[in-house]
Protein backbone atom coordinates (compact mmCIF):
# COMPACT_ATOMS: atom_id res chain seq x y z
CA UNK A 1 8.49 -40.48 13.73
CA UNK A 2 9.99 -40.15 17.21
CA UNK A 3 8.03 -40.35 20.50
CA UNK A 4 9.92 -37.30 21.88
CA UNK A 5 11.85 -34.40 20.38
CA UNK A 6 14.53 -32.31 22.03
CA UNK A 7 13.94 -28.58 21.50
CA UNK A 8 16.56 -27.45 24.11
CA UNK A 9 18.78 -26.02 21.28
CA UNK A 10 15.87 -24.48 19.38
CA UNK A 11 15.96 -20.85 18.44
CA UNK A 12 13.10 -18.42 17.88
CA UNK A 13 11.97 -17.64 14.27
CA UNK A 14 13.98 -14.52 13.41
CA UNK A 15 11.23 -13.59 10.80
CA UNK A 16 8.25 -13.83 13.20
CA UNK A 17 8.11 -10.02 13.66
CA UNK A 18 7.79 -9.61 9.85
CA UNK A 19 4.81 -11.92 9.54
CA UNK A 20 1.73 -10.38 8.05
CA UNK A 21 -1.24 -9.44 10.13
CA UNK A 22 -4.60 -10.81 9.00
CA UNK A 23 -7.32 -8.05 8.78
CA UNK A 24 -10.85 -7.95 7.64
CA UNK A 25 -11.53 -4.98 5.16
CA UNK A 26 -14.58 -4.20 3.19
CA UNK A 27 -13.85 -3.19 -0.42
CA UNK A 28 -16.10 -2.34 -3.30
CA UNK A 29 -16.75 -5.16 -5.80
CA UNK A 30 -15.28 -3.02 -8.60
CA UNK A 31 -12.06 -2.41 -6.56
CA UNK A 32 -11.51 -6.11 -5.88
CA UNK A 33 -12.29 -6.88 -9.54
CA UNK A 34 -9.73 -4.39 -10.69
CA UNK A 35 -6.92 -5.82 -8.49
CA UNK A 36 -7.83 -9.41 -9.36
CA UNK A 37 -7.66 -8.54 -13.04
CA UNK A 38 -4.35 -6.79 -12.66
CA UNK A 39 -2.92 -9.54 -10.52
CA UNK A 40 -3.86 -12.09 -13.07
CA UNK A 41 -1.93 -10.09 -15.72
CA UNK A 42 1.12 -9.89 -13.43
CA UNK A 43 0.71 -13.50 -12.27
CA UNK A 44 0.56 -12.54 -8.56
CA UNK A 45 -2.02 -13.32 -5.95
CA UNK A 46 -4.42 -10.26 -5.78
CA UNK A 47 -4.06 -9.90 -2.01
CA UNK A 48 -0.28 -9.68 -2.40
CA UNK A 49 -0.79 -7.11 -5.10
CA UNK A 50 -3.06 -4.98 -2.80
CA UNK A 51 -0.44 -5.40 0.00
CA UNK A 52 2.35 -4.10 -2.28
CA UNK A 53 0.24 -1.21 -3.50
CA UNK A 54 -0.67 -0.12 0.06
CA UNK A 55 2.91 -0.66 1.27
CA UNK A 56 4.15 1.67 -1.50
CA UNK A 57 1.52 4.24 -0.45
CA UNK A 58 2.71 4.03 3.26
CA UNK A 59 6.37 4.21 2.20
CA UNK A 60 5.97 7.29 0.06
CA UNK A 61 3.43 9.06 2.36
CA UNK A 62 0.82 9.17 -0.50
CA UNK A 63 -2.46 10.59 0.74
CA UNK A 64 -5.81 11.43 -0.89
CA UNK A 65 -7.53 14.75 -0.32
CA UNK A 66 -11.31 13.97 -0.39
CA UNK A 67 -14.06 16.47 -0.56
CA UNK A 68 -17.20 15.11 1.05
CA UNK A 69 -20.42 16.87 0.25
CA UNK A 70 -23.90 16.22 1.32
CA UNK A 71 -27.29 17.70 0.19
CA UNK A 72 -29.71 17.63 3.13
CA UNK A 73 -30.38 13.97 3.80
CA UNK A 74 -28.98 12.76 0.47
CA UNK A 75 -25.29 11.95 0.69
CA UNK A 76 -23.36 12.59 -2.58
CA UNK A 77 -20.53 10.36 -3.54
CA UNK A 78 -17.11 11.88 -2.64
CA UNK A 79 -15.04 13.65 -5.21
CA UNK A 80 -11.56 12.33 -5.05
CA UNK A 81 -8.75 14.80 -5.60
CA UNK A 82 -5.03 14.02 -5.82
CA UNK A 83 -3.11 15.54 -2.86
CA UNK A 84 0.26 17.35 -3.36
CA UNK A 85 1.99 14.22 -2.25
CA UNK A 86 0.45 12.20 -5.11
CA UNK A 87 1.41 14.88 -7.64
CA UNK A 88 4.99 15.06 -6.21
CA UNK A 89 7.58 14.88 -8.93
CA UNK A 90 11.18 13.66 -8.41
CA UNK A 91 13.52 16.64 -7.61
CA UNK A 92 15.19 18.13 -10.75
CA UNK A 93 19.03 18.02 -10.68
CA UNK A 94 20.69 21.29 -9.57
CA UNK A 95 22.79 23.20 -12.07
CA UNK A 96 26.26 24.12 -11.26
CA UNK A 97 26.41 27.87 -10.46
CA UNK A 98 28.42 30.06 -12.90
CA UNK A 99 30.39 32.17 -10.52
CA UNK A 100 33.03 34.44 -11.93
CA UNK A 101 36.40 33.72 -10.57
């Protein structure tokens, strides 16, 4: 190993802006278990699988419509309803119009 190194020709990492940002997030135990089980089947790390899923949601603009209800002081679990974006189907191919010549 050298005593000194010359970094005068060094270049910045071009991928530095694409590095992942560490975050702390609280998830239900059943949610983590689901992704861990699925990741094991797919032979992926479960955190990478969660990242891929969330990235897909962000890319497609997928959103949930949630209806929160409460009964006086007792809070009832939310009912999750799929939004229109989640039910979105790929566009059907257009038919050629039959115009009389």
